[in-house]
Amino acid sequence: MTKIRRQVQNMRIGTRVFLDKLKENTKYCCSQFHVLEIQDFVFPENLVYKVDALYKEYETLLNGFQGEITIHGPYMDLNPISMDTRIRELTLERYLQAVEAAKVFDSRWIVIHTYFSQIHNQEPWYQDYWIEENLKFWKKVIPVLEKEKKTIVLENVFDVNPSTIKELVDGLGSEFFKACLDVGHCNVFSEESIKTWLEVLGERLKYLHLSDNNGKRDNHLPIGSGSIDFQEIANNLPKNRKDLIVISEAFCSPEEEIAGFNVLIS
């Protein structure tokens, strides 16, 4: 199998894994990547019932892996700025459980979605509301992150521009709350170019999710298989950023994933 040309890039590269994917491709995942992002916890119930059981299986499969583990936090049916108090409370509970899961897996990084709503964004007050309510919510979480030395990276999904994430990160002013840019989401949902997102987020950006699409649907194609200009992304990434984590979220074979990464870092 062709290897990723790791020696010519200045970033920590990784791939998304669920337990089933790792079982099928253990050698590939553990030998090719600096980072593995565990995504089983996107389903909130796994934080309630399966943390210990998942850890035991992952511990066996990852025996000898010398890289870093990160986790994707829950997002199904949650909303930190819901107008329903009980939904906000449940969301807080699940996020704190994600911090506990990160402790079990010895993960510094937790990826969390923004929950920006393009439906509500039709209202002129929404973006200010999104920032204000998120500031209130995350100020409750920051002390826990600081105590546990865990960093949340907030991932754009339906966000139309990078300014809201920028203002939220700046408003919180914590080294434990930064940004994750999903370029596939940008290509489908954003009014701004990926280049603009990279420029606006700047040093706030600690994490990238990479996949391709045709601009119509977020279908997680391999890098180079859709309409995203990955050469432009590579040219606009911050130089000498060895702290930047870059995760492939493509739904594809190992061979396609390797080929895509080699296009990006050539």
Protein backbone atom coordinates (compact mmCIF):
# COMPACT_ATOMS: atom_id res chain seq x y z
CA MET A 1 0.00 0.00 0.00
CA THR A 2 1.26 3.50 -0.86
CA LYS A 3 2.16 5.56 2.19
CA ILE A 4 1.27 9.14 2.99
CA ARG A 5 4.23 11.43 2.38
CA ARG A 6 4.35 12.54 6.01
CA GLN A 7 7.86 13.92 5.89
CA VAL A 8 6.97 16.79 3.55
CA GLN A 9 4.11 18.30 5.45
CA ASN A 10 3.94 20.52 8.52
CA MET A 11 0.76 19.24 10.11
CA ARG A 12 -0.41 16.33 12.20
CA ILE A 13 -2.60 14.24 9.93
CA GLY A 14 -5.29 11.82 10.99
CA THR A 15 -8.49 10.04 10.10
CA ARG A 16 -11.94 9.59 11.59
CA VAL A 17 -12.69 6.22 13.14
CA PHE A 18 -15.66 4.39 14.51
CA LEU A 19 -14.99 1.11 16.26
CA ASP A 20 -16.06 -0.94 13.22
CA LYS A 21 -13.73 0.98 10.89
CA LEU A 22 -10.80 0.47 13.24
CA LYS A 23 -11.53 -3.24 13.53
CA GLU A 24 -11.49 -3.57 9.73
CA ASN A 25 -8.41 -1.37 9.16
CA THR A 26 -6.37 -1.50 12.36
CA LYS A 27 -2.92 -1.74 10.76
CA TYR A 28 -3.70 0.99 8.22
CA CYS A 29 -5.06 3.44 10.79
CA CYS A 30 -2.30 2.87 13.32
CA SER A 31 0.60 2.96 10.85
CA GLN A 32 -0.39 5.82 8.56
CA PHE A 33 -1.56 8.54 10.91
CA HIS A 34 -0.40 10.83 13.68
CA VAL A 35 -3.97 11.24 15.02
CA LEU A 36 -7.12 9.13 15.22
CA GLU A 37 -10.41 10.95 15.88
CA ILE A 38 -12.85 8.63 17.64
CA GLN A 39 -16.39 9.44 16.51
CA ASP A 40 -18.50 6.92 18.41
CA PHE A 41 -19.56 9.68 20.82
CA VAL A 42 -21.44 11.69 18.20
CA PHE A 43 -24.30 9.53 19.49
CA PRO A 44 -25.09 10.90 22.97
CA GLU A 45 -26.29 7.58 24.35
CA ASN A 46 -22.76 6.18 23.98
CA LEU A 47 -21.63 8.70 26.59
CA VAL A 48 -24.23 7.34 28.98
CA TYR A 49 -23.86 3.59 28.54
CA LYS A 50 -20.76 2.66 26.54
CA VAL A 51 -17.69 4.71 27.50
CA ASP A 52 -15.96 1.96 29.47
CA ALA A 53 -16.89 -0.81 27.03
CA LEU A 54 -15.70 1.22 24.05
CA TYR A 55 -12.47 2.09 25.83
CA LYS A 56 -11.67 -1.57 26.47
CA GLU A 57 -12.11 -2.44 22.80
CA TYR A 58 -10.16 0.57 21.59
CA GLU A 59 -7.38 -0.09 24.10
CA THR A 60 -6.85 -3.56 22.63
CA LEU A 61 -6.97 -2.40 19.01
CA LEU A 62 -4.68 0.58 19.62
CA ASN A 63 -2.02 -1.36 21.48
CA GLY A 64 1.27 0.02 20.18
CA PHE A 65 -0.22 3.11 18.51
CA GLN A 66 2.19 5.97 19.17
CA GLY A 67 -0.01 8.80 17.95
CA GLU A 68 -2.68 10.99 19.52
CA ILE A 69 -6.35 10.25 20.18
CA THR A 70 -9.02 12.92 19.82
CA ILE A 71 -12.78 12.56 20.17
CA HIS A 72 -15.78 13.99 18.37
CA GLY A 73 -18.36 15.06 20.89
CA PRO A 74 -22.12 14.48 20.73
CA TYR A 75 -24.41 16.43 18.45
CA MET A 76 -27.55 14.37 17.79
CA ASP A 77 -30.62 16.20 19.17
CA LEU A 78 -28.63 18.69 21.28
CA ASN A 79 -28.54 22.50 21.21
CA PRO A 80 -26.58 24.74 23.62
CA ILE A 81 -28.66 27.81 22.73
CA SER A 82 -32.09 26.20 22.64
CA MET A 83 -34.93 28.33 23.94
CA ASP A 84 -35.98 25.26 25.93
CA THR A 85 -34.13 25.32 29.27
CA ARG A 86 -34.25 21.54 29.66
CA ILE A 87 -32.61 21.00 26.26
CA ARG A 88 -29.82 23.40 27.22
CA GLU A 89 -29.39 21.57 30.52
CA LEU A 90 -29.22 18.19 28.79
CA THR A 91 -26.73 19.57 26.27
CA LEU A 92 -24.51 20.81 29.10
CA GLU A 93 -24.73 17.41 30.78
CA ARG A 94 -23.72 15.61 27.58
CA TYR A 95 -20.79 17.97 26.94
CA LEU A 96 -19.50 17.43 30.46
CA GLN A 97 -19.81 13.70 29.86
CA ALA A 98 -17.73 14.19 26.72
CA VAL A 99 -15.04 15.79 28.86
CA GLU A 100 -15.12 12.72 31.11
CA ALA A 101 -14.84 10.47 28.05
CA ALA A 102 -11.86 12.51 26.89
CA LYS A 103 -10.23 11.84 30.25
CA VAL A 104 -10.81 8.09 29.88
CA PHE A 105 -9.31 8.12 26.36
CA ASP A 106 -6.52 10.51 27.36
CA SER A 107 -7.63 12.93 24.65
CA ARG A 108 -6.83 16.62 24.80
CA TRP A 109 -9.17 17.58 21.94
CA ILE A 110 -13.00 17.44 21.73
CA VAL A 111 -14.79 18.46 18.52
CA ILE A 112 -18.20 20.08 19.01
CA HIS A 113 -20.66 21.38 16.40
CA THR A 114 -21.83 25.01 16.38
CA TYR A 115 -25.58 24.37 15.95
CA PHE A 116 -25.84 27.50 13.83
CA SER A 117 -29.29 27.53 12.20
CA GLN A 118 -29.75 28.79 8.65
CA ILE A 119 -33.51 28.79 9.24
CA HIS A 120 -33.26 31.17 12.19
CA ASN A 121 -30.55 33.15 10.41
CA GLN A 122 -33.34 34.63 8.26
CA GLU A 123 -34.07 36.83 11.27
CA PRO A 124 -31.87 39.96 11.62
CA TRP A 125 -31.31 39.35 15.33
CA TYR A 126 -30.13 35.75 15.07
CA GLN A 127 -26.35 36.09 14.72
CA ASP A 128 -26.14 38.41 17.73
CA TYR A 129 -28.38 36.02 19.67
CA TRP A 130 -26.18 33.06 18.67
CA ILE A 131 -23.05 34.79 19.98
CA GLU A 132 -24.64 36.07 23.21
CA GLU A 133 -26.28 32.79 24.17
CA ASN A 134 -23.20 30.75 23.30
CA LEU A 135 -21.07 33.03 25.47
CA LYS A 136 -23.42 32.40 28.40
CA PHE A 137 -23.41 28.65 27.81
CA TRP A 138 -19.69 28.09 27.30
CA LYS A 139 -18.67 30.26 30.24
CA LYS A 140 -20.13 27.47 32.38
CA VAL A 141 -17.90 24.91 30.67
CA ILE A 142 -14.59 26.80 30.45
CA PRO A 143 -13.65 26.27 34.14
CA VAL A 144 -14.04 22.50 33.67
CA LEU A 145 -11.92 22.56 30.51
CA GLU A 146 -9.23 24.58 32.27
CA LYS A 147 -9.19 22.24 35.25
CA GLU A 148 -9.01 19.08 33.10
CA LYS A 149 -6.71 20.59 30.43
CA LYS A 150 -9.13 19.67 27.63
CA THR A 151 -9.67 21.83 24.55
CA ILE A 152 -12.95 22.12 22.68
CA VAL A 153 -12.69 23.00 18.99
CA LEU A 154 -15.95 24.37 17.63
CA GLU A 155 -16.77 23.00 14.17
CA ASN A 156 -18.74 24.93 11.57
CA VAL A 157 -21.67 23.09 10.02
CA PHE A 158 -24.46 25.29 8.63
CA ASP A 159 -22.57 28.49 9.48
CA VAL A 160 -22.73 31.07 6.68
CA ASN A 161 -19.56 32.96 7.62
CA PRO A 162 -16.64 32.66 10.07
CA SER A 163 -17.31 35.87 12.00
CA THR A 164 -19.64 34.31 14.59
CA ILE A 165 -17.12 31.61 15.56
CA LYS A 166 -14.34 34.22 15.62
CA GLU A 167 -16.33 36.48 17.95
CA LEU A 168 -17.26 33.58 20.23
CA VAL A 169 -13.68 32.31 20.54
CA ASP A 170 -12.40 35.85 21.15
CA GLY A 171 -15.19 36.60 23.62
CA LEU A 172 -14.36 33.54 25.70
CA GLY A 173 -10.64 34.25 25.55
CA SER A 174 -9.58 30.78 26.68
CA GLU A 175 -6.72 28.67 25.38
CA PHE A 176 -9.05 25.70 25.88
CA PHE A 177 -11.70 26.89 23.39
CA LYS A 178 -10.66 27.16 19.74
CA ALA A 179 -11.94 26.54 16.20
CA CYS A 180 -12.29 23.56 13.86
CA LEU A 181 -12.85 24.24 10.15
CA ASP A 182 -14.78 21.66 8.14
CA VAL A 183 -14.06 22.51 4.50
CA GLY A 184 -16.83 20.26 3.19
CA HIS A 185 -19.41 22.13 5.24
CA CYS A 186 -17.99 25.43 3.96
CA ASN A 187 -18.32 24.34 0.35
CA VAL A 188 -22.01 23.49 0.76
CA PHE A 189 -23.39 25.89 3.34
CA SER A 190 -21.19 29.00 3.61
CA GLU A 191 -21.53 32.34 1.85
CA GLU A 192 -17.75 32.82 2.15
CA SER A 193 -14.84 31.05 0.48
CA ILE A 194 -12.70 28.53 2.35
CA LYS A 195 -9.78 30.94 1.88
CA THR A 196 -11.75 33.62 3.75
CA TRP A 197 -12.52 31.19 6.58
CA LEU A 198 -8.82 30.38 6.93
CA GLU A 199 -7.89 34.05 6.96
CA VAL A 200 -10.57 35.12 9.47
CA LEU A 201 -10.04 32.24 11.91
CA GLY A 202 -6.25 32.59 11.72
CA GLU A 203 -4.49 31.44 14.90
CA ARG A 204 -7.83 30.46 16.44
CA LEU A 205 -7.85 27.52 14.04
CA LYS A 206 -6.38 24.40 15.64
CA TYR A 207 -8.17 21.64 13.76
CA LEU A 208 -9.32 20.82 10.20
CA HIS A 209 -11.84 18.33 8.86
CA LEU A 210 -11.22 17.43 5.21
CA SER A 211 -13.51 15.82 2.67
CA ASP A 212 -14.71 16.80 -0.79
CA ASN A 213 -18.13 17.38 -2.35
CA ASN A 214 -19.76 19.04 -5.36
CA GLY A 215 -21.11 22.03 -3.45
CA LYS A 216 -24.65 20.66 -3.33
CA ARG A 217 -24.48 17.97 -0.66
CA ASP A 218 -22.05 17.16 2.14
CA ASN A 219 -21.34 13.67 0.85
CA HIS A 220 -17.77 13.24 2.22
CA LEU A 221 -16.00 12.36 -1.02
CA PRO A 222 -12.25 11.66 -1.08
CA ILE A 223 -9.97 14.68 -1.42
CA GLY A 224 -9.76 15.66 -5.08
CA SER A 225 -13.04 14.01 -6.08
CA GLY A 226 -15.28 17.07 -5.92
CA SER A 227 -15.20 20.82 -6.51
CA ILE A 228 -13.09 21.96 -3.54
CA ASP A 229 -9.74 23.53 -4.47
CA PHE A 230 -7.41 21.73 -2.07
CA GLN A 231 -4.33 23.31 -3.63
CA GLU A 232 -5.70 26.70 -2.58
CA ILE A 233 -6.32 25.33 0.91
CA ALA A 234 -2.75 24.03 1.10
CA ASN A 235 -1.39 27.37 -0.11
CA ASN A 236 -3.35 29.28 2.53
CA LEU A 237 -2.69 27.09 5.54
CA PRO A 238 -0.55 28.79 8.17
CA LYS A 239 3.12 27.99 7.68
CA ASN A 240 5.08 26.06 10.28
CA ARG A 241 1.93 25.14 12.21
CA LYS A 242 3.00 21.79 13.61
CA ASP A 243 0.17 22.08 16.16
CA LEU A 244 -2.50 21.99 13.44
CA ILE A 245 -4.48 18.72 13.40
CA VAL A 246 -5.87 17.71 9.98
CA ILE A 247 -8.44 14.90 9.93
CA SER A 248 -9.78 13.11 6.86
CA GLU A 249 -13.54 12.61 7.07
CA ALA A 250 -13.87 11.07 3.61
CA PHE A 251 -16.06 8.00 3.24
CA CYS A 252 -13.72 5.96 1.08
CA SER A 253 -11.17 3.17 0.87
CA PRO A 254 -7.72 3.46 2.48
CA GLU A 255 -6.16 3.75 -1.00
CA GLU A 256 -8.43 6.70 -1.91
CA GLU A 257 -7.74 8.38 1.42
CA ILE A 258 -3.96 8.09 0.99
CA ALA A 259 -4.14 9.39 -2.58
CA GLY A 260 -6.16 12.39 -1.39
CA PHE A 261 -3.73 13.29 1.37
CA ASN A 262 -0.79 13.03 -1.03
CA VAL A 263 -2.53 15.48 -3.36
CA LEU A 264 -2.97 17.91 -0.47
CA ILE A 265 0.62 17.79 0.78
CA SER A 266 2.46 17.46 -2.54
